[in-house]
Amino acid sequence: MATVQFKSEISIELDQLLAGVAQLDTPDLEKLLIQVRQVLAHRKNPSLPTLEIELLQKINQTLPDELQQQYNDLSKKMRSGVITSNEHQELLKLIDIVEQNDGDRLQYLIQLSQLRNISLPELMQQLDIHPQPVHV
């Protein structure tokens, strides 16, 4: 079983570490995931240029949990036909935010693919990024 050695000479088994991680609030867990991805990227390519690191950080940014949850809830109401006029207006504002975020992320992906001199689909495959399904 894998263990993690800390500088203070405390050794903790991987299962215990994961149990502790599971107790994190969702925003802290998302931050940890971003940082773990950065560590992994650095290990895979220790000489990763600063610009690539910055682009990867931006690519991995997500919407705040509250905003994402509100968007999901209102989208569900819209699909089921039970959305109020005020909720619909709020959903339209959230759609703008989500689309802007998605557009920014795509720009960062394009910049990184150009920097690495590979196609966008190839980059997305390398980063294990899959297109999200579209809900109509």
N, C-alpha and C. Protein backbone atom coordinates (compact mmCIF):
# COMPACT_ATOMS: atom_id res chain seq x y z
N MET A 1 0.85 -1.17 0.00
CA MET A 1 0.00 0.00 0.00
C MET A 1 0.90 1.24 0.00
N ALA A 2 0.53 2.23 -0.82
CA ALA A 2 1.32 3.45 -0.94
C ALA A 2 1.19 4.31 0.32
N THR A 3 2.29 4.98 0.65
CA THR A 3 2.28 5.91 1.79
C THR A 3 2.90 7.23 1.33
N VAL A 4 2.64 8.27 2.09
CA VAL A 4 3.20 9.59 1.82
C VAL A 4 4.07 9.96 3.00
N GLN A 5 5.33 10.34 2.75
CA GLN A 5 6.26 10.71 3.80
C GLN A 5 6.29 12.22 3.92
N PHE A 6 6.03 12.76 5.11
CA PHE A 6 6.07 14.19 5.35
C PHE A 6 7.40 14.55 6.00
N LYS A 7 7.83 15.80 5.85
CA LYS A 7 9.10 16.25 6.41
C LYS A 7 9.17 16.09 7.91
N SER A 8 8.03 16.15 8.57
CA SER A 8 8.03 16.03 10.02
C SER A 8 8.13 14.56 10.44
N GLU A 9 8.48 13.71 9.50
CA GLU A 9 8.66 12.28 9.74
C GLU A 9 7.35 11.57 10.06
N ILE A 10 6.23 12.17 9.68
CA ILE A 10 4.94 11.51 9.83
C ILE A 10 4.67 10.77 8.54
N SER A 11 4.34 9.52 8.66
CA SER A 11 4.02 8.71 7.50
C SER A 11 2.54 8.37 7.55
N ILE A 12 1.87 8.59 6.43
CA ILE A 12 0.44 8.32 6.37
C ILE A 12 0.16 7.48 5.14
N GLU A 13 -0.70 6.49 5.31
CA GLU A 13 -1.03 5.63 4.18
C GLU A 13 -1.93 6.39 3.22
N LEU A 14 -1.85 6.00 1.96
CA LEU A 14 -2.60 6.68 0.92
C LEU A 14 -4.10 6.64 1.21
N ASP A 15 -4.61 5.54 1.71
CA ASP A 15 -6.04 5.44 2.04
C ASP A 15 -6.43 6.47 3.10
N GLN A 16 -5.56 6.69 4.08
CA GLN A 16 -5.84 7.68 5.11
C GLN A 16 -5.83 9.09 4.53
N LEU A 17 -4.88 9.33 3.64
CA LEU A 17 -4.80 10.63 2.97
C LEU A 17 -6.07 10.88 2.16
N LEU A 18 -6.51 9.88 1.41
CA LEU A 18 -7.72 10.03 0.60
C LEU A 18 -8.96 10.23 1.48
N ALA A 19 -9.00 9.57 2.63
CA ALA A 19 -10.11 9.77 3.56
C ALA A 19 -10.14 11.21 4.05
N GLY A 20 -8.97 11.77 4.30
CA GLY A 20 -8.89 13.18 4.70
C GLY A 20 -9.31 14.10 3.58
N VAL A 21 -8.88 13.80 2.36
CA VAL A 21 -9.24 14.60 1.20
C VAL A 21 -10.76 14.57 0.99
N ALA A 22 -11.36 13.42 1.22
CA ALA A 22 -12.81 13.27 1.03
C ALA A 22 -13.60 14.17 1.98
N GLN A 23 -13.00 14.62 3.05
CA GLN A 23 -13.68 15.48 4.01
C GLN A 23 -13.62 16.96 3.63
N LEU A 24 -12.84 17.29 2.61
CA LEU A 24 -12.72 18.69 2.19
C LEU A 24 -14.03 19.19 1.60
N ASP A 25 -14.28 20.48 1.78
CA ASP A 25 -15.41 21.11 1.11
C ASP A 25 -15.13 21.11 -0.39
N THR A 26 -16.16 21.16 -1.20
CA THR A 26 -16.00 21.08 -2.65
C THR A 26 -15.05 22.15 -3.20
N PRO A 27 -15.15 23.42 -2.80
CA PRO A 27 -14.21 24.41 -3.34
C PRO A 27 -12.74 24.09 -3.00
N ASP A 28 -12.50 23.62 -1.77
CA ASP A 28 -11.13 23.26 -1.38
C ASP A 28 -10.66 22.03 -2.16
N LEU A 29 -11.57 21.10 -2.38
CA LEU A 29 -11.24 19.89 -3.14
C LEU A 29 -10.89 20.26 -4.58
N GLU A 30 -11.62 21.20 -5.17
CA GLU A 30 -11.32 21.64 -6.53
C GLU A 30 -9.97 22.33 -6.60
N LYS A 31 -9.65 23.15 -5.60
CA LYS A 31 -8.33 23.81 -5.56
C LYS A 31 -7.22 22.77 -5.45
N LEU A 32 -7.46 21.77 -4.60
CA LEU A 32 -6.47 20.70 -4.43
C LEU A 32 -6.26 19.96 -5.75
N LEU A 33 -7.35 19.68 -6.44
CA LEU A 33 -7.26 18.97 -7.71
C LEU A 33 -6.43 19.75 -8.72
N ILE A 34 -6.64 21.06 -8.78
CA ILE A 34 -5.86 21.90 -9.69
C ILE A 34 -4.38 21.84 -9.32
N GLN A 35 -4.09 21.91 -8.03
CA GLN A 35 -2.70 21.87 -7.59
C GLN A 35 -2.06 20.51 -7.84
N VAL A 36 -2.83 19.44 -7.67
CA VAL A 36 -2.31 18.09 -7.94
C VAL A 36 -2.02 17.95 -9.43
N ARG A 37 -2.90 18.48 -10.27
CA ARG A 37 -2.66 18.43 -11.72
C ARG A 37 -1.39 19.19 -12.09
N GLN A 38 -1.14 20.30 -11.41
CA GLN A 38 0.07 21.08 -11.67
C GLN A 38 1.31 20.29 -11.27
N VAL A 39 1.25 19.62 -10.13
CA VAL A 39 2.38 18.80 -9.68
C VAL A 39 2.63 17.69 -10.69
N LEU A 40 1.55 17.04 -11.14
CA LEU A 40 1.68 15.96 -12.11
C LEU A 40 2.25 16.47 -13.43
N ALA A 41 1.77 17.62 -13.89
CA ALA A 41 2.29 18.19 -15.13
C ALA A 41 3.77 18.51 -14.99
N HIS A 42 4.17 19.03 -13.84
CA HIS A 42 5.57 19.37 -13.62
C HIS A 42 6.43 18.11 -13.59
N ARG A 43 5.92 17.04 -13.00
CA ARG A 43 6.68 15.79 -12.96
C ARG A 43 6.84 15.19 -14.35
N LYS A 44 5.77 15.27 -15.14
CA LYS A 44 5.83 14.72 -16.49
C LYS A 44 6.77 15.53 -17.37
N ASN A 45 6.87 16.82 -17.09
CA ASN A 45 7.75 17.69 -17.87
C ASN A 45 8.30 18.77 -16.95
N PRO A 46 9.40 18.46 -16.23
CA PRO A 46 9.92 19.40 -15.24
C PRO A 46 10.37 20.73 -15.82
N SER A 47 10.61 20.78 -17.10
CA SER A 47 11.07 22.04 -17.70
C SER A 47 9.91 22.78 -18.37
N LEU A 48 8.70 22.52 -17.92
CA LEU A 48 7.52 23.17 -18.50
C LEU A 48 7.66 24.68 -18.40
N PRO A 49 7.56 25.37 -19.52
CA PRO A 49 7.69 26.83 -19.49
C PRO A 49 6.58 27.48 -18.67
N THR A 50 6.90 28.64 -18.13
CA THR A 50 5.97 29.37 -17.28
C THR A 50 4.66 29.65 -18.01
N LEU A 51 4.72 30.02 -19.28
CA LEU A 51 3.51 30.31 -20.04
C LEU A 51 2.61 29.09 -20.12
N GLU A 52 3.18 27.92 -20.31
CA GLU A 52 2.37 26.69 -20.36
C GLU A 52 1.71 26.43 -19.01
N ILE A 53 2.45 26.65 -17.94
CA ILE A 53 1.90 26.45 -16.60
C ILE A 53 0.72 27.40 -16.38
N GLU A 54 0.90 28.67 -16.78
CA GLU A 54 -0.18 29.65 -16.62
C GLU A 54 -1.40 29.26 -17.43
N LEU A 55 -1.19 28.80 -18.67
CA LEU A 55 -2.31 28.39 -19.50
C LEU A 55 -3.02 27.17 -18.92
N LEU A 56 -2.25 26.22 -18.41
CA LEU A 56 -2.85 25.04 -17.79
C LEU A 56 -3.67 25.42 -16.56
N GLN A 57 -3.19 26.36 -15.79
CA GLN A 57 -3.95 26.81 -14.62
C GLN A 57 -5.27 27.44 -15.06
N LYS A 58 -5.23 28.26 -16.10
CA LYS A 58 -6.45 28.90 -16.58
C LYS A 58 -7.41 27.88 -17.19
N ILE A 59 -6.87 26.90 -17.89
CA ILE A 59 -7.70 25.85 -18.50
C ILE A 59 -8.42 25.05 -17.43
N ASN A 60 -7.77 24.83 -16.32
CA ASN A 60 -8.34 24.00 -15.26
C ASN A 60 -9.23 24.76 -14.28
N GLN A 61 -9.37 26.07 -14.46
CA GLN A 61 -10.26 26.83 -13.58
C GLN A 61 -11.70 26.46 -13.88
N THR A 62 -12.49 26.36 -12.82
CA THR A 62 -13.90 26.04 -12.99
C THR A 62 -14.74 27.20 -12.45
N LEU A 63 -16.02 27.15 -12.77
CA LEU A 63 -16.94 28.14 -12.20
C LEU A 63 -17.04 27.91 -10.71
N PRO A 64 -17.29 28.95 -9.94
CA PRO A 64 -17.54 28.75 -8.51
C PRO A 64 -18.72 27.79 -8.32
N ASP A 65 -18.64 26.97 -7.28
CA ASP A 65 -19.67 25.95 -7.03
C ASP A 65 -21.07 26.53 -6.98
N GLU A 66 -21.24 27.63 -6.27
CA GLU A 66 -22.57 28.21 -6.12
C GLU A 66 -23.15 28.61 -7.48
N LEU A 67 -22.32 29.21 -8.31
CA LEU A 67 -22.75 29.63 -9.63
C LEU A 67 -23.10 28.42 -10.50
N GLN A 68 -22.26 27.39 -10.45
CA GLN A 68 -22.51 26.18 -11.23
C GLN A 68 -23.80 25.51 -10.78
N GLN A 69 -24.01 25.44 -9.47
CA GLN A 69 -25.22 24.80 -8.95
C GLN A 69 -26.47 25.58 -9.35
N GLN A 70 -26.38 26.91 -9.26
CA GLN A 70 -27.52 27.75 -9.65
C GLN A 70 -27.82 27.55 -11.14
N TYR A 71 -26.78 27.51 -11.96
CA TYR A 71 -26.95 27.28 -13.40
C TYR A 71 -27.60 25.92 -13.64
N ASN A 72 -27.11 24.89 -12.96
CA ASN A 72 -27.67 23.54 -13.13
C ASN A 72 -29.14 23.50 -12.73
N ASP A 73 -29.47 24.11 -11.59
CA ASP A 73 -30.84 24.10 -11.10
C ASP A 73 -31.79 24.82 -12.06
N LEU A 74 -31.38 26.00 -12.52
CA LEU A 74 -32.23 26.76 -13.43
C LEU A 74 -32.34 26.08 -14.80
N SER A 75 -31.27 25.47 -15.26
CA SER A 75 -31.32 24.73 -16.53
C SER A 75 -32.30 23.57 -16.44
N LYS A 76 -32.28 22.88 -15.31
CA LYS A 76 -33.20 21.76 -15.11
C LYS A 76 -34.64 22.25 -15.11
N LYS A 77 -34.90 23.38 -14.44
CA LYS A 77 -36.24 23.96 -14.43
C LYS A 77 -36.67 24.34 -15.85
N MET A 78 -35.74 24.89 -16.61
CA MET A 78 -36.04 25.30 -17.98
C MET A 78 -36.41 24.09 -18.83
N ARG A 79 -35.63 23.02 -18.72
CA ARG A 79 -35.90 21.82 -19.50
C ARG A 79 -37.22 21.17 -19.11
N SER A 80 -37.61 21.29 -17.85
CA SER A 80 -38.85 20.68 -17.40
C SER A 80 -40.05 21.63 -17.55
N GLY A 81 -39.79 22.87 -17.97
CA GLY A 81 -40.86 23.81 -18.25
C GLY A 81 -41.50 24.44 -17.03
N VAL A 82 -40.80 24.47 -15.90
CA VAL A 82 -41.38 25.04 -14.68
C VAL A 82 -40.62 26.28 -14.20
N ILE A 83 -39.95 26.96 -15.11
CA ILE A 83 -39.15 28.12 -14.74
C ILE A 83 -40.02 29.39 -14.75
N THR A 84 -39.80 30.25 -13.76
CA THR A 84 -40.52 31.52 -13.71
C THR A 84 -39.83 32.53 -14.60
N SER A 85 -40.48 33.65 -14.84
CA SER A 85 -39.92 34.71 -15.67
C SER A 85 -38.62 35.26 -15.06
N ASN A 86 -38.63 35.50 -13.75
CA ASN A 86 -37.42 36.00 -13.07
C ASN A 86 -36.29 34.98 -13.12
N GLU A 87 -36.63 33.71 -12.91
CA GLU A 87 -35.61 32.66 -12.98
C GLU A 87 -35.05 32.56 -14.40
N HIS A 88 -35.91 32.75 -15.39
CA HIS A 88 -35.46 32.69 -16.79
C HIS A 88 -34.46 33.81 -17.07
N GLN A 89 -34.74 35.00 -16.57
CA GLN A 89 -33.82 36.12 -16.75
C GLN A 89 -32.48 35.84 -16.07
N GLU A 90 -32.53 35.26 -14.88
CA GLU A 90 -31.30 34.90 -14.17
C GLU A 90 -30.53 33.84 -14.94
N LEU A 91 -31.26 32.87 -15.50
CA LEU A 91 -30.61 31.82 -16.30
C LEU A 91 -29.91 32.42 -17.51
N LEU A 92 -30.54 33.38 -18.16
CA LEU A 92 -29.92 34.02 -19.31
C LEU A 92 -28.61 34.71 -18.92
N LYS A 93 -28.59 35.35 -17.76
CA LYS A 93 -27.35 35.98 -17.27
C LYS A 93 -26.29 34.92 -17.00
N LEU A 94 -26.71 33.82 -16.40
CA LEU A 94 -25.77 32.74 -16.09
C LEU A 94 -25.24 32.09 -17.37
N ILE A 95 -26.10 31.97 -18.37
CA ILE A 95 -25.66 31.40 -19.65
C ILE A 95 -24.55 32.27 -20.24
N ASP A 96 -24.71 33.58 -20.15
CA ASP A 96 -23.66 34.49 -20.65
C ASP A 96 -22.34 34.24 -19.93
N ILE A 97 -22.41 34.07 -18.61
CA ILE A 97 -21.20 33.84 -17.81
C ILE A 97 -20.57 32.50 -18.19
N VAL A 98 -21.38 31.47 -18.31
CA VAL A 98 -20.89 30.14 -18.66
C VAL A 98 -20.27 30.15 -20.05
N GLU A 99 -20.94 30.79 -21.00
CA GLU A 99 -20.41 30.85 -22.36
C GLU A 99 -19.10 31.63 -22.41
N GLN A 100 -19.02 32.72 -21.66
CA GLN A 100 -17.77 33.49 -21.60
C GLN A 100 -16.65 32.63 -21.02
N ASN A 101 -16.96 31.91 -19.96
CA ASN A 101 -15.98 31.03 -19.33
C ASN A 101 -15.52 29.94 -20.31
N ASP A 102 -16.48 29.34 -21.01
CA ASP A 102 -16.14 28.30 -21.99
C ASP A 102 -15.31 28.87 -23.14
N GLY A 103 -15.67 30.08 -23.59
CA GLY A 103 -14.91 30.73 -24.66
C GLY A 103 -13.49 31.04 -24.24
N ASP A 104 -13.34 31.53 -23.01
CA ASP A 104 -11.99 31.81 -22.48
C ASP A 104 -11.17 30.53 -22.41
N ARG A 105 -11.80 29.47 -21.90
CA ARG A 105 -11.10 28.19 -21.78
C ARG A 105 -10.66 27.68 -23.15
N LEU A 106 -11.52 27.82 -24.16
CA LEU A 106 -11.17 27.40 -25.51
C LEU A 106 -10.00 28.22 -26.04
N GLN A 107 -10.00 29.52 -25.76
CA GLN A 107 -8.88 30.37 -26.18
C GLN A 107 -7.57 29.89 -25.56
N TYR A 108 -7.60 29.55 -24.27
CA TYR A 108 -6.39 29.07 -23.59
C TYR A 108 -5.94 27.73 -24.18
N LEU A 109 -6.90 26.88 -24.51
CA LEU A 109 -6.56 25.59 -25.13
C LEU A 109 -5.93 25.81 -26.49
N ILE A 110 -6.47 26.73 -27.27
CA ILE A 110 -5.91 27.03 -28.59
C ILE A 110 -4.50 27.59 -28.45
N GLN A 111 -4.30 28.51 -27.51
CA GLN A 111 -2.97 29.08 -27.30
C GLN A 111 -1.97 28.00 -26.93
N LEU A 112 -2.39 27.09 -26.03
CA LEU A 112 -1.49 26.02 -25.61
C LEU A 112 -1.20 25.06 -26.76
N SER A 113 -2.21 24.75 -27.57
CA SER A 113 -1.97 23.85 -28.71
C SER A 113 -1.00 24.49 -29.70
N GLN A 114 -1.12 25.81 -29.90
CA GLN A 114 -0.20 26.51 -30.80
C GLN A 114 1.20 26.55 -30.21
N LEU A 115 1.27 26.76 -28.91
CA LEU A 115 2.57 26.79 -28.23
C LEU A 115 3.28 25.45 -28.35
N ARG A 116 2.51 24.37 -28.24
CA ARG A 116 3.07 23.03 -28.34
C ARG A 116 3.15 22.53 -29.78
N ASN A 117 2.61 23.32 -30.70
CA ASN A 117 2.62 22.99 -32.12
C ASN A 117 1.91 21.66 -32.40
N ILE A 118 0.74 21.50 -31.80
CA ILE A 118 -0.10 20.33 -32.03
C ILE A 118 -1.54 20.80 -32.27
N SER A 119 -2.36 19.91 -32.80
CA SER A 119 -3.74 20.27 -33.06
C SER A 119 -4.51 20.36 -31.74
N LEU A 120 -5.62 21.08 -31.77
CA LEU A 120 -6.46 21.21 -30.59
C LEU A 120 -7.00 19.85 -30.14
N PRO A 121 -7.51 19.01 -31.05
CA PRO A 121 -7.97 17.68 -30.60
C PRO A 121 -6.86 16.85 -29.96
N GLU A 122 -5.65 16.95 -30.49
CA GLU A 122 -4.53 16.21 -29.92
C GLU A 122 -4.20 16.72 -28.51
N LEU A 123 -4.23 18.03 -28.33
CA LEU A 123 -3.99 18.61 -27.01
C LEU A 123 -5.06 18.14 -26.02
N MET A 124 -6.31 18.20 -26.46
CA MET A 124 -7.41 17.79 -25.57
C MET A 124 -7.26 16.32 -25.18
N GLN A 125 -6.80 15.51 -26.11
CA GLN A 125 -6.56 14.09 -25.79
C GLN A 125 -5.42 13.96 -24.78
N GLN A 126 -4.36 14.72 -24.97
CA GLN A 126 -3.24 14.68 -24.03
C GLN A 126 -3.67 15.10 -22.63
N LEU A 127 -4.54 16.11 -22.55
CA LEU A 127 -4.98 16.63 -21.26
C LEU A 127 -6.19 15.88 -20.71
N ASP A 128 -6.66 14.90 -21.46
CA ASP A 128 -7.82 14.10 -21.07
C ASP A 128 -9.05 14.99 -20.86
N ILE A 129 -9.25 15.90 -21.82
CA ILE A 129 -10.41 16.79 -21.81
C ILE A 129 -11.38 16.30 -22.85
N HIS A 130 -12.62 16.10 -22.42
CA HIS A 130 -13.67 15.60 -23.32
C HIS A 130 -14.74 16.66 -23.46
N PRO A 131 -15.25 16.86 -24.69
CA PRO A 131 -16.32 17.84 -24.87
C PRO A 131 -17.54 17.48 -24.01
N GLN A 132 -18.18 18.51 -23.46
CA GLN A 132 -19.36 18.30 -22.63
C GLN A 132 -20.58 18.11 -23.53
N PRO A 133 -21.52 17.26 -23.10
CA PRO A 133 -22.73 17.09 -23.89
C PRO A 133 -23.55 18.38 -23.89
N VAL A 134 -24.24 18.63 -24.96
CA VAL A 134 -25.09 19.81 -25.08
C VAL A 134 -26.51 19.43 -24.70
N HIS A 135 -27.11 20.21 -23.80
CA HIS A 135 -28.49 19.97 -23.38
C HIS A 135 -29.39 20.95 -24.12
N VAL A 136 -30.33 20.43 -24.81
CA VAL A 136 -31.27 21.28 -25.57
C VAL A 136 -32.61 21.28 -24.88
